[in-house]
N, C-alpha and C. Protein backbone atom coordinates (compact mmCIF):
# COMPACT_ATOMS: atom_id res chain seq x y z
N UNK A 1 -8.47 -8.13 -15.22
CA UNK A 1 -9.50 -7.88 -14.01
C UNK A 1 -8.96 -7.69 -12.72
N UNK A 2 -7.90 -8.05 -12.54
CA UNK A 2 -7.10 -8.61 -11.34
C UNK A 2 -5.93 -7.19 -11.51
N UNK A 3 -5.38 -6.46 -12.07
CA UNK A 3 -4.95 -5.73 -12.11
C UNK A 3 -6.25 -4.31 -11.15
N UNK A 4 -7.18 -4.08 -12.30
CA UNK A 4 -7.64 -2.89 -11.85
C UNK A 4 -8.51 -3.35 -10.00
N UNK A 5 -8.51 -4.56 -9.86
CA UNK A 5 -8.78 -4.22 -8.13
C UNK A 5 -7.64 -4.19 -7.37
N UNK A 6 -6.27 -4.41 -7.63
CA UNK A 6 -5.33 -4.18 -7.53
C UNK A 6 -4.83 -2.88 -7.11
N UNK A 7 -5.07 -2.20 -8.50
CA UNK A 7 -4.43 -0.69 -8.25
C UNK A 7 -5.69 -0.17 -7.48
N UNK A 8 -6.84 -0.03 -7.78
CA UNK A 8 -8.57 0.69 -6.74
C UNK A 8 -7.94 0.52 -5.42
N UNK A 9 -7.94 -0.91 -4.99
CA UNK A 9 -6.96 -1.16 -3.51
C UNK A 9 -5.58 -0.30 -2.89
N UNK A 10 -4.89 0.11 -3.92
CA UNK A 10 -3.84 1.36 -3.46
C UNK A 10 -4.14 1.98 -3.07
N UNK A 11 -4.82 2.33 -4.56
CA UNK A 11 -5.29 3.78 -4.01
C UNK A 11 -6.11 4.11 -3.38
N UNK A 12 -6.80 3.02 -2.32
CA UNK A 12 -7.62 3.10 -1.34
C UNK A 12 -6.89 3.31 -0.25
N UNK A 13 -5.84 2.21 -0.48
CA UNK A 13 -4.85 2.47 0.91
C UNK A 13 -3.86 3.91 1.52
N UNK A 14 -4.20 4.12 -0.23
CA UNK A 14 -2.99 5.58 -0.20
C UNK A 14 -4.28 7.04 0.31
N UNK A 15 -5.23 6.87 0.05
CA UNK A 15 -6.32 7.72 0.46
C UNK A 15 -6.84 7.21 2.39
N UNK A 16 -7.38 6.89 2.12
CA UNK A 16 -7.53 6.26 3.44
C UNK A 16 -6.88 6.62 4.95
N UNK A 17 -5.28 6.63 4.36
CA UNK A 17 -3.72 6.78 5.51
C UNK A 17 -3.23 8.23 5.45
N UNK A 18 -3.82 8.78 4.17
CA UNK A 18 -3.61 10.27 4.22
C UNK A 18 -5.17 10.93 5.11
N UNK A 19 -5.96 10.51 5.14
CA UNK A 19 -7.77 10.81 5.55
C UNK A 19 -7.31 10.73 7.46
N UNK A 20 -6.60 8.95 7.65
CA UNK A 20 -6.81 9.46 8.84
C UNK A 20 -5.52 10.04 9.18
N UNK A 21 -4.33 10.17 8.55
CA UNK A 21 -3.01 11.13 9.04
C UNK A 21 -3.69 12.53 9.26
N UNK A 22 -4.81 13.83 8.76
CA UNK A 22 -5.38 14.26 9.02
C UNK A 22 -6.39 14.23 9.77
N UNK A 23 -7.13 13.37 10.42
CA UNK A 23 -7.96 14.07 10.86
C UNK A 23 -8.06 13.28 12.05
N UNK A 24 -7.12 12.54 12.71
CA UNK A 24 -6.69 12.10 13.77
C UNK A 24 -7.50 12.69 14.99
N UNK A 25 -7.08 14.70 14.65
CA UNK A 25 -6.96 15.22 15.86
C UNK A 25 -8.37 15.51 16.32
N UNK A 26 -9.18 15.60 15.55
CA UNK A 26 -10.57 16.07 15.31
C UNK A 26 -10.95 14.87 15.74
N UNK A 27 -10.86 13.58 15.15
CA UNK A 27 -11.98 12.09 16.00
C UNK A 27 -10.90 11.27 15.83
N UNK A 28 -11.06 10.20 17.08
CA UNK A 28 -9.91 9.23 17.26
C UNK A 28 -11.26 8.14 16.54
N UNK A 29 -12.46 8.25 16.44
CA UNK A 29 -13.41 7.16 16.17
C UNK A 29 -12.90 7.07 15.05
N UNK A 30 -13.28 8.07 13.93
CA UNK A 30 -13.26 8.12 12.75
C UNK A 30 -11.88 7.69 12.24
N UNK A 31 -10.81 8.26 13.11
CA UNK A 31 -9.44 7.60 12.94
C UNK A 31 -9.28 5.86 12.75
N UNK A 32 -9.85 5.20 13.61
CA UNK A 32 -9.66 3.77 14.27
C UNK A 32 -10.83 3.12 12.96
N UNK A 33 -11.80 3.99 12.09
CA UNK A 33 -12.91 3.32 11.25
C UNK A 33 -11.64 3.08 9.71
N UNK A 34 -10.48 4.25 9.47
CA UNK A 34 -10.01 4.71 8.36
C UNK A 34 -8.73 3.80 8.66
N UNK A 35 -8.45 3.43 9.93
CA UNK A 35 -7.15 2.01 9.93
C UNK A 35 -7.89 0.74 10.07
N UNK A 36 -9.29 0.71 10.17
CA UNK A 36 -10.14 -1.42 9.44
C UNK A 36 -10.14 -1.05 8.20
N UNK A 37 -10.56 0.62 7.58
CA UNK A 37 -10.79 0.29 6.57
C UNK A 37 -9.39 -0.09 5.39
N UNK A 38 -8.22 0.56 6.40
CA UNK A 38 -6.93 0.55 5.72
C UNK A 38 -7.07 -1.85 6.00
N UNK A 39 -6.84 -1.60 6.67
CA UNK A 39 -6.71 -3.68 6.68
C UNK A 39 -7.44 -4.44 5.62
N UNK A 40 -8.66 -3.81 5.51
CA UNK A 40 -9.24 -4.68 4.68
C UNK A 40 -8.56 -4.60 3.27
N UNK A 41 -8.47 -3.33 3.02
CA UNK A 41 -8.14 -3.25 1.63
C UNK A 41 -6.71 -3.96 1.64
N UNK A 42 -5.96 -4.08 2.91
CA UNK A 42 -4.38 -5.24 2.43
C UNK A 42 -5.11 -6.11 1.92
N UNK A 43 -6.17 -6.67 3.05
CA UNK A 43 -6.68 -8.39 2.08
C UNK A 43 -6.37 -8.59 0.61
N UNK A 44 -7.61 -7.70 0.18
CA UNK A 44 -7.55 -7.09 -1.00
C UNK A 44 -6.19 -7.26 -1.80
N UNK A 45 -5.16 -5.90 -1.97
CA UNK A 45 -4.07 -6.23 -1.63
C UNK A 45 -2.88 -7.82 -2.39
N UNK A 46 -3.00 -7.85 -1.24
CA UNK A 46 -2.51 -8.94 -1.22
C UNK A 46 -2.97 -10.44 -2.00
N UNK A 47 -4.64 -10.20 -1.58
CA UNK A 47 -5.21 -11.89 -2.45
C UNK A 47 -4.84 -11.67 -4.54
N UNK A 48 -5.26 -10.05 -5.12
CA UNK A 48 -4.77 -9.97 -5.64
C UNK A 48 -3.36 -9.85 -6.35
N UNK A 49 -2.49 -9.55 -5.69
CA UNK A 49 -1.76 -9.52 -5.94
C UNK A 49 -1.17 -10.96 -5.79
N UNK A 50 -1.29 -12.12 -5.52
CA UNK A 50 -1.12 -13.64 -5.56
C UNK A 50 -1.56 -13.34 -7.10
N UNK A 51 -2.79 -12.94 -7.01
CA UNK A 51 -3.33 -13.40 -8.46
C UNK A 51 -2.58 -13.48 -9.53
N UNK A 52 -2.23 -11.96 -9.56
CA UNK A 52 -1.31 -11.35 -10.61
C UNK A 52 0.18 -12.05 -10.79
N UNK A 53 0.41 -12.72 -9.70
CA UNK A 53 2.25 -13.42 -10.15
C UNK A 53 2.10 -14.07 -11.06
N UNK A 54 1.41 -14.96 -11.51
CA UNK A 54 1.48 -15.80 -13.03
C UNK A 54 2.44 -14.85 -14.12
N UNK A 55 1.38 -13.40 -14.18
CA UNK A 55 2.22 -13.22 -15.07
C UNK A 55 3.87 -12.52 -14.94
N UNK A 56 4.05 -11.99 -14.10
CA UNK A 56 5.04 -11.64 -13.36
C UNK A 56 5.81 -11.88 -13.76
N UNK A 57 5.95 -13.48 -13.57
CA UNK A 57 6.74 -13.68 -12.56
C UNK A 57 7.50 -15.14 -13.96
N UNK A 58 6.91 -14.95 -15.20
CA UNK A 58 7.25 -15.40 -15.89
C UNK A 58 8.37 -14.55 -16.68
N UNK A 59 8.16 -13.58 -16.74
CA UNK A 59 9.15 -12.46 -17.25
C UNK A 59 10.37 -11.95 -16.27
N UNK A 60 9.80 -11.93 -15.44
CA UNK A 60 10.88 -11.02 -14.27
C UNK A 60 10.65 -11.70 -12.99
N UNK A 61 11.29 -12.83 -12.80
CA UNK A 61 11.66 -13.19 -11.81
C UNK A 61 11.94 -12.40 -10.23
N UNK A 62 13.24 -11.98 -10.69
CA UNK A 62 13.40 -11.26 -9.49
C UNK A 62 13.33 -9.73 -9.33
N UNK A 63 12.48 -9.07 -10.24
CA UNK A 63 12.22 -7.77 -9.41
C UNK A 63 10.62 -8.32 -9.58
N UNK A 64 9.62 -8.83 -9.62
CA UNK A 64 9.24 -9.64 -9.83
C UNK A 64 8.89 -10.03 -7.73
N UNK A 65 9.69 -10.48 -7.16
CA UNK A 65 10.27 -10.96 -5.29
C UNK A 65 10.58 -9.40 -5.21
N UNK A 66 11.16 -8.62 -5.86
CA UNK A 66 11.25 -7.39 -4.64
C UNK A 66 10.39 -6.29 -5.37
N UNK A 67 9.25 -6.34 -5.83
CA UNK A 67 7.64 -5.68 -5.89
C UNK A 67 6.69 -6.01 -4.88
N UNK A 68 7.25 -8.16 -4.54
CA UNK A 68 6.36 -8.09 -3.51
C UNK A 68 6.89 -7.75 -1.96
N UNK A 69 8.09 -7.73 -1.98
CA UNK A 69 8.98 -7.28 -0.71
C UNK A 69 8.70 -5.23 -0.75
N UNK A 70 8.89 -4.81 -1.48
CA UNK A 70 8.46 -3.40 -1.71
C UNK A 70 6.95 -2.82 -0.95
N UNK A 71 6.50 -3.81 -1.70
CA UNK A 71 4.80 -4.06 -1.15
C UNK A 71 4.19 -4.77 -0.58
N UNK A 72 4.83 -5.63 0.85
CA UNK A 72 4.71 -6.09 2.32
C UNK A 72 5.08 -4.39 2.95
N UNK A 73 6.19 -4.35 2.83
CA UNK A 73 7.41 -2.77 3.27
C UNK A 73 5.71 -1.85 3.09
N UNK A 74 5.15 -1.71 2.48
CA UNK A 74 4.52 -0.63 2.61
C UNK A 74 3.65 -0.51 3.37
N UNK A 75 2.71 -1.68 3.49
CA UNK A 75 2.11 -2.33 4.19
C UNK A 75 2.59 -2.14 5.75
N UNK A 76 3.54 -2.32 5.98
CA UNK A 76 4.06 -2.69 7.22
C UNK A 76 4.31 -0.99 7.43
N UNK A 77 5.00 -0.56 6.35
CA UNK A 77 5.03 1.20 7.05
C UNK A 77 4.11 1.95 7.49
N UNK A 78 2.52 1.50 6.74
CA UNK A 78 1.60 2.91 7.06
C UNK A 78 1.10 1.88 8.42
N UNK A 79 1.04 0.45 8.75
CA UNK A 79 0.82 0.32 9.91
C UNK A 79 1.58 1.31 10.97
N UNK A 80 2.57 1.39 10.38
CA UNK A 80 3.61 2.09 12.02
C UNK A 80 3.12 3.75 11.89
N UNK A 81 2.82 3.86 10.76
CA UNK A 81 2.29 5.21 10.62
C UNK A 81 1.49 5.88 11.34
N UNK A 82 0.24 4.38 10.94
CA UNK A 82 -0.69 4.84 11.77
C UNK A 82 -0.83 4.57 13.33
N UNK A 83 -0.07 3.29 13.50
CA UNK A 83 0.13 3.54 15.10
C UNK A 83 1.20 4.61 15.51
N UNK A 84 2.23 4.77 15.05
CA UNK A 84 2.60 6.42 16.13
C UNK A 84 1.82 7.02 15.63
N UNK A 85 0.84 7.72 15.12
CA UNK A 85 -0.18 8.76 14.82
C UNK A 85 -1.13 9.04 16.35
N UNK A 86 -1.47 7.10 16.56
CA UNK A 86 -2.21 7.26 17.15
C UNK A 86 -1.81 7.65 18.85
N UNK A 87 -0.63 6.93 19.15
CA UNK A 87 0.11 6.97 20.44
C UNK A 87 0.94 8.18 20.12
N UNK A 88 0.36 8.57 19.74
CA UNK A 88 1.04 10.24 18.86
C UNK A 88 2.55 10.41 19.63
N UNK A 89 3.58 9.76 18.77
CA UNK A 89 4.78 9.92 18.98
C UNK A 89 5.10 10.34 18.16
N UNK A 90 6.06 11.04 17.10
CA UNK A 90 6.87 11.63 16.41
C UNK A 90 6.54 10.52 15.11
N UNK A 91 6.14 10.99 13.60
CA UNK A 91 5.41 10.26 12.29
C UNK A 91 5.92 10.14 11.23
N UNK A 92 6.89 11.78 11.43
CA UNK A 92 7.31 12.11 10.47
C UNK A 92 8.15 11.49 9.21
N UNK A 93 9.10 10.81 9.76
CA UNK A 93 9.87 9.51 9.27
C UNK A 93 9.24 8.32 8.86
N UNK A 94 7.85 7.83 9.13
CA UNK A 94 7.44 7.21 9.28
C UNK A 94 6.62 7.55 7.73
N UNK A 95 5.99 9.28 7.65
CA UNK A 95 5.64 10.09 6.61
C UNK A 95 6.71 9.51 5.09
N UNK A 96 7.61 9.97 5.29
CA UNK A 96 8.03 10.05 4.23
C UNK A 96 9.22 8.65 4.04
N UNK A 97 9.32 7.56 4.82
CA UNK A 97 9.58 6.41 4.20
C UNK A 97 8.05 5.43 3.47
N UNK A 98 6.80 5.95 4.14
CA UNK A 98 5.45 6.55 3.84
C UNK A 98 5.30 6.45 2.05
N UNK A 99 5.79 7.96 1.78
CA UNK A 99 6.26 8.07 0.63
C UNK A 99 6.62 7.84 -0.16
N UNK A 100 8.60 7.43 -0.18
CA UNK A 100 9.00 7.30 -0.67
C UNK A 100 8.59 4.94 -0.87
N UNK A 101 7.88 4.92 -0.08
CA UNK A 101 7.52 3.63 -0.19
C UNK A 101 6.82 2.96 -1.36
N UNK A 102 5.55 3.64 -1.43
CA UNK A 102 4.80 4.20 -2.29
C UNK A 102 5.19 4.37 -3.64
N UNK A 103 6.10 5.37 -3.55
CA UNK A 103 6.76 6.20 -5.28
C UNK A 103 7.12 4.23 -5.95
N UNK A 104 8.47 3.86 -5.44
CA UNK A 104 8.97 2.31 -5.29
C UNK A 104 8.59 2.00 -5.93
N UNK A 105 7.23 1.09 -5.29
CA UNK A 105 6.40 -0.19 -5.04
C UNK A 105 5.59 0.20 -7.08
N UNK A 106 5.07 1.57 -6.95
CA UNK A 106 4.44 1.91 -8.04
C UNK A 106 5.59 1.92 -9.09
N UNK A 107 6.74 2.74 -9.28
CA UNK A 107 7.58 2.24 -10.22
C UNK A 107 7.44 1.22 -10.80
N UNK A 108 8.37 0.21 -9.90
CA UNK A 108 8.46 -1.25 -10.49
C UNK A 108 7.52 -1.60 -10.70
N UNK A 109 5.82 -1.68 -10.49
CA UNK A 109 4.98 -1.89 -10.90
C UNK A 109 4.89 -1.62 -11.76
N UNK A 110 4.99 -0.32 -12.21
CA UNK A 110 5.09 0.07 -13.66
C UNK A 110 5.68 -0.74 -14.90
N UNK A 111 7.32 -0.93 -13.84
CA UNK A 111 7.85 -1.39 -15.08
C UNK A 111 7.76 -2.80 -14.87
N UNK A 112 7.32 -3.71 -14.34
CA UNK A 112 6.54 -5.01 -14.73
C UNK A 112 5.25 -4.67 -15.49
N UNK A 113 5.16 -4.21 -15.45
CA UNK A 113 3.73 -4.14 -16.82
C UNK A 113 3.95 -3.25 -18.27
N UNK A 114 5.14 -2.96 -17.99
CA UNK A 114 6.06 -2.63 -19.34
C UNK A 114 4.98 -1.13 -19.64
N UNK A 115 4.26 -0.26 -18.26
CA UNK A 115 3.65 0.84 -18.96
C UNK A 115 2.29 0.71 -18.99
N UNK A 116 1.08 -0.58 -18.93
CA UNK A 116 0.21 -1.20 -19.36
C UNK A 116 0.04 -2.55 -18.71
N UNK A 117 -1.56 -1.94 -18.05
CA UNK A 117 -2.17 -3.24 -17.26
C UNK A 117 -1.62 -4.75 -17.26
N UNK A 118 -1.88 -5.44 -16.43
CA UNK A 118 -1.35 -6.86 -16.13
C UNK A 118 -2.87 -7.38 -16.59
N UNK A 119 -3.18 -7.75 -18.09
CA UNK A 119 -4.84 -8.51 -17.90
C UNK A 119 -3.96 -9.75 -18.12
């Protein structure tokens, strides 16, 4: 169950981040709402990740720690991306870092699960 909560939360973070990036020029208020929704999803991602740690730590300790660090880095990159966008500074570097971090985190997550959800 926690794997589904974790996966849905990550999908929500990616969708809300991309929507916030696109919609900023049209509505700063909706951008702020998307940013707050992202922050709520961070909490669910962290809590579900803590609940799933017992599954991955039993077999792959080092890879699990690496995935935790990648997840935290991804959350940090999302925050930097949205804050730079809000301040109207160039944010293309953080957009590329966001894409790279998401791909790396998902890849390591699938490696840990062996291609199947962790139950």
